[in-house]
């Protein structure tokens, strides 16, 4: 003979286990969502902070890791042939369009202010 009390206890226990599993799955999802949001906020903060370090006439961009003129124009260097640039990207401050990097003081200036 089947004990009804025993079956009821098993059913309650099974339901409770299911509730616990659902709660844990929900909390895991909440933790992941929180982690993802924090990661995005921190990443944007770091990018924003780096961008503020660029001087007037510069913007944050992708240039050669070696600091070569890849990615920007440089005073007194004619681009008669394509530069051999690496595919590696280092986030750094580059001169805005129409400005040239003056090597003597590392400032971005109009071409008219480049010294020979």
Protein backbone atom coordinates (compact mmCIF):
# COMPACT_ATOMS: atom_id res chain seq x y z
CA UNK A 1 0.00 0.00 0.00
CA UNK A 2 1.23 3.46 -0.91
CA UNK A 3 1.69 5.86 1.93
CA UNK A 4 -0.02 9.13 0.86
CA UNK A 5 1.90 11.12 3.46
CA UNK A 6 5.20 9.85 2.04
CA UNK A 7 4.19 10.74 -1.54
CA UNK A 8 3.12 14.21 -0.42
CA UNK A 9 6.47 14.76 1.32
CA UNK A 10 8.33 13.68 -1.83
CA UNK A 11 6.22 16.05 -3.92
CA UNK A 12 6.83 18.96 -1.53
CA UNK A 13 10.54 18.14 -1.43
CA UNK A 14 10.68 17.95 -5.23
CA UNK A 15 8.86 21.29 -5.57
CA UNK A 16 11.21 22.89 -3.04
CA UNK A 17 14.27 21.62 -4.95
CA UNK A 18 12.83 23.05 -8.16
CA UNK A 19 12.23 26.42 -6.46
CA UNK A 20 15.81 26.46 -5.18
CA UNK A 21 17.17 25.64 -8.65
CA UNK A 22 15.05 28.38 -10.25
CA UNK A 23 16.13 30.89 -7.61
CA UNK A 24 19.80 30.01 -8.09
CA UNK A 25 19.46 30.27 -11.89
CA UNK A 26 17.80 33.66 -11.48
CA UNK A 27 20.52 34.88 -9.11
CA UNK A 28 23.24 33.60 -11.47
CA UNK A 29 21.60 35.58 -14.28
CA UNK A 30 21.46 38.66 -12.04
CA UNK A 31 25.13 38.29 -11.12
CA UNK A 32 26.12 37.92 -14.78
CA UNK A 33 24.05 40.98 -15.75
CA UNK A 34 25.63 43.03 -12.97
CA UNK A 35 29.12 41.87 -13.97
CA UNK A 36 28.45 42.75 -17.62
CA UNK A 37 27.15 46.22 -16.76
CA UNK A 38 30.14 46.92 -14.49
CA UNK A 39 32.56 45.72 -17.19
CA UNK A 40 31.02 48.08 -19.74
CA UNK A 41 31.08 51.02 -17.31
CA UNK A 42 34.72 50.42 -16.34
CA UNK A 43 35.77 50.00 -19.99
CA UNK A 44 34.06 53.24 -21.00
CA UNK A 45 35.62 55.05 -18.03
CA UNK A 46 39.11 53.89 -19.01
CA UNK A 47 38.59 54.90 -22.64
CA UNK A 48 37.22 58.27 -21.56
CA UNK A 49 40.15 58.86 -19.19
CA UNK A 50 42.68 58.01 -21.91
CA UNK A 51 40.92 60.34 -24.34
CA UNK A 52 41.25 63.23 -21.91
CA UNK A 53 45.04 62.81 -21.86
CA UNK A 54 45.31 63.85 -25.52
CA UNK A 55 46.45 67.42 -26.09
CA UNK A 56 44.84 70.08 -28.25
CA UNK A 57 44.71 68.99 -31.90
CA UNK A 58 44.89 65.31 -30.98
CA UNK A 59 42.43 62.47 -30.64
CA UNK A 60 42.64 58.96 -29.29
CA UNK A 61 43.25 56.51 -32.10
CA UNK A 62 45.05 53.43 -33.26
CA UNK A 63 48.70 53.83 -34.22
CA UNK A 64 51.79 51.71 -34.53
CA UNK A 65 53.05 50.30 -31.26
CA UNK A 66 56.53 51.51 -32.16
CA UNK A 67 55.45 55.15 -32.34
CA UNK A 68 56.26 55.41 -36.05
CA UNK A 69 54.26 57.84 -38.19
CA UNK A 70 51.73 55.15 -39.01
CA UNK A 71 48.29 56.64 -38.54
CA UNK A 72 49.26 60.33 -38.74
CA UNK A 73 51.12 62.86 -40.87
CA UNK A 74 54.54 64.01 -39.68
CA UNK A 75 56.26 67.32 -40.46
CA UNK A 76 58.91 67.14 -43.19
CA UNK A 77 58.26 63.50 -44.02
CA UNK A 78 56.83 63.12 -47.51
CA UNK A 79 54.71 60.07 -48.08
CA UNK A 80 56.03 59.16 -51.51
CA UNK A 81 55.69 55.44 -50.85
CA UNK A 82 53.38 53.57 -48.51
CA UNK A 83 54.79 53.13 -45.03
CA UNK A 84 55.41 49.62 -43.79
CA UNK A 85 53.13 49.61 -40.77
CA UNK A 86 52.42 46.69 -38.49
CA UNK A 87 48.89 45.44 -38.01
CA UNK A 88 49.39 45.80 -34.27
CA UNK A 89 47.35 48.61 -32.77
CA UNK A 90 48.39 50.67 -29.80
CA UNK A 91 45.85 53.12 -28.50
CA UNK A 92 47.57 56.50 -28.46
CA UNK A 93 47.02 60.17 -29.22
CA UNK A 94 47.17 60.96 -32.94
CA UNK A 95 47.06 64.31 -34.74
CA UNK A 96 43.66 65.44 -35.97
CA UNK A 97 43.03 65.49 -39.72
CA UNK A 98 44.91 68.32 -41.44
CA UNK A 99 47.54 68.58 -38.68
CA UNK A 100 51.10 67.26 -38.68
CA UNK A 101 53.22 65.89 -35.83
CA UNK A 102 56.21 68.21 -35.30
CA UNK A 103 59.00 65.93 -34.11
CA UNK A 104 60.92 68.64 -32.22
CA UNK A 105 58.19 69.19 -29.62
CA UNK A 106 55.71 66.39 -30.49
CA UNK A 107 52.89 68.94 -31.04
CA UNK A 108 50.25 68.71 -33.76
CA UNK A 109 50.47 71.79 -35.97
CA UNK A 110 49.25 73.00 -39.37
CA UNK A 111 51.67 72.26 -42.24
CA UNK A 112 52.60 75.97 -42.35
CA UNK A 113 54.12 75.64 -38.85
CA UNK A 114 56.36 72.72 -39.76
CA UNK A 115 60.02 73.79 -39.74
CA UNK A 116 62.47 72.40 -42.30
